C-alpha atoms as a PDB file:
ATOM      1  CA  MET A   1      81.342  77.737 132.836  1.00  0.00           C
ATOM      2  CA  MET A   2      82.348  75.573 129.875  1.00  0.00           C
ATOM      3  CA  ASP A   3      85.911  74.306 129.644  1.00  0.00           C
ATOM      4  CA  ASP A   4      87.810  76.094 126.845  1.00  0.00           C
ATOM      5  CA  ARG A   5      88.933  72.779 125.345  1.00  0.00           C
ATOM      6  CA  LEU A   6      85.355  71.577 125.134  1.00  0.00           C
ATOM      7  CA  LEU A   7      84.254  74.836 123.551  1.00  0.00           C
ATOM      8  CA  LEU A   8      87.033  74.488 120.976  1.00  0.00           C
ATOM      9  CA  GLU A   9      85.910  70.933 120.163  1.00  0.00           C
ATOM     10  CA  TYR A  10      82.362  72.143 119.559  1.00  0.00           C
ATOM     11  CA  GLN A  11      83.608  74.951 117.333  1.00  0.00           C
ATOM     12  CA  VAL A  12      85.736  72.571 115.252  1.00  0.00           C
ATOM     13  CA  LEU A  13      82.900  70.076 114.842  1.00  0.00           C
ATOM     14  CA  GLY A  14      80.474  72.877 114.045  1.00  0.00           C
ATOM     15  CA  SER A  15      82.764  74.173 111.327  1.00  0.00           C
ATOM     16  CA  PHE A  16      82.995  70.704 109.754  1.00  0.00           C
ATOM     17  CA  ILE A  17      79.208  70.482 109.765  1.00  0.00           C
ATOM     18  CA  SER A  18      78.469  73.987 108.526  1.00  0.00           C
ATOM     19  CA  ASP A  19      81.391  74.877 106.243  1.00  0.00           C
ATOM     20  CA  LYS A  20      82.386  72.565 103.396  1.00  0.00           C
ATOM     21  CA  SER A  21      85.684  74.430 102.932  1.00  0.00           C
ATOM     22  CA  THR A  22      86.898  72.954 106.246  1.00  0.00           C
ATOM     23  CA  HIS A  23      86.520  69.328 105.125  1.00  0.00           C
ATOM     24  CA  ASP A  24      90.157  69.069 104.027  1.00  0.00           C
ATOM     25  CA  TYR A  25      91.129  69.372 107.698  1.00  0.00           C
ATOM     26  CA  ILE A  26      89.100  66.349 108.800  1.00  0.00           C
ATOM     27  CA  ASP A  27      91.982  64.041 107.828  1.00  0.00           C
ATOM     28  CA  LYS A  28      94.369  65.992 110.061  1.00  0.00           C
ATOM     29  CA  LEU A  29      92.462  64.937 113.193  1.00  0.00           C
ATOM     30  CA  ASN A  30      91.447  61.643 114.726  1.00  0.00           C
ATOM     31  CA  VAL A  31      88.951  60.575 117.358  1.00  0.00           C
ATOM     32  CA  GLU A  32      91.605  60.540 120.084  1.00  0.00           C
ATOM     33  CA  ASP A  33      92.130  64.284 119.598  1.00  0.00           C
ATOM     34  CA  PHE A  34      88.759  64.909 121.261  1.00  0.00           C
ATOM     35  CA  ILE A  35      88.189  64.733 125.022  1.00  0.00           C
ATOM     36  CA  ASP A  36      84.386  64.654 125.120  1.00  0.00           C
ATOM     37  CA  THR A  37      82.672  61.322 124.414  1.00  0.00           C
ATOM     38  CA  THR A  38      79.920  62.955 122.371  1.00  0.00           C
ATOM     39  CA  SER A  39      82.491  64.898 120.353  1.00  0.00           C
ATOM     40  CA  LYS A  40      84.297  61.643 119.610  1.00  0.00           C
ATOM     41  CA  THR A  41      81.057  60.066 118.400  1.00  0.00           C
ATOM     42  CA  VAL A  42      80.194  63.053 116.216  1.00  0.00           C
ATOM     43  CA  PHE A  43      83.707  63.212 114.749  1.00  0.00           C
ATOM     44  CA  ALA A  44      83.647  59.475 113.977  1.00  0.00           C
ATOM     45  CA  ALA A  45      80.376  60.021 112.109  1.00  0.00           C
ATOM     46  CA  ILE A  46      81.947  62.885 110.150  1.00  0.00           C
ATOM     47  CA  GLU A  47      84.885  60.653 109.201  1.00  0.00           C
ATOM     48  CA  ILE A  48      82.531  57.914 107.983  1.00  0.00           C
ATOM     49  CA  LEU A  49      80.494  60.358 105.913  1.00  0.00           C
ATOM     50  CA  LYS A  50      83.629  61.822 104.365  1.00  0.00           C
ATOM     51  CA  ALA A  51      84.975  58.354 103.507  1.00  0.00           C
ATOM     52  CA  ARG A  52      81.672  57.519 101.822  1.00  0.00           C
ATOM     53  CA  LYS A  53      81.772  60.863  99.986  1.00  0.00           C
ATOM     54  CA  GLU A  54      78.386  61.746 101.470  1.00  0.00           C
ATOM     55  CA  ASN A  55      77.232  65.193 102.486  1.00  0.00           C
ATOM     56  CA  ILE A  56      78.409  66.337 105.881  1.00  0.00           C
ATOM     57  CA  ASP A  57      75.648  68.427 107.347  1.00  0.00           C
ATOM     58  CA  ILE A  58      73.535  68.615 110.474  1.00  0.00           C
ATOM     59  CA  PHE A  59      71.084  66.010 109.191  1.00  0.00           C
ATOM     60  CA  THR A  60      73.553  63.386 107.966  1.00  0.00           C
ATOM     61  CA  VAL A  61      75.807  63.726 111.025  1.00  0.00           C
ATOM     62  CA  ASN A  62      72.808  63.426 113.329  1.00  0.00           C
ATOM     63  CA  LYS A  63      71.614  60.300 111.520  1.00  0.00           C
ATOM     64  CA  GLN A  64      75.069  58.679 111.342  1.00  0.00           C
ATOM     65  CA  SER A  65      76.063  59.449 114.938  1.00  0.00           C
ATOM     66  CA  LYS A  66      72.646  58.971 116.508  1.00  0.00           C
ATOM     67  CA  VAL A  67      73.529  62.032 118.592  1.00  0.00           C
ATOM     68  CA  SER A  68      71.431  65.157 118.460  1.00  0.00           C
ATOM     69  CA  VAL A  69      73.800  67.864 117.187  1.00  0.00           C
END
């Protein structure tokens, strides 16, 4: 069974990817808030995309992180 903390990380990252209204919350977190290595990589990609003012979606996060999301 999946650890609840890991499930929460996936839900948070999924909301950033799928719901633009959550993007204001990206700045409230940092990579160290995540426990999973893949989650850290995906979140770092999301931060980069936001800083560049690029779209944050499944395609851009996948390309930036080089992780299949």
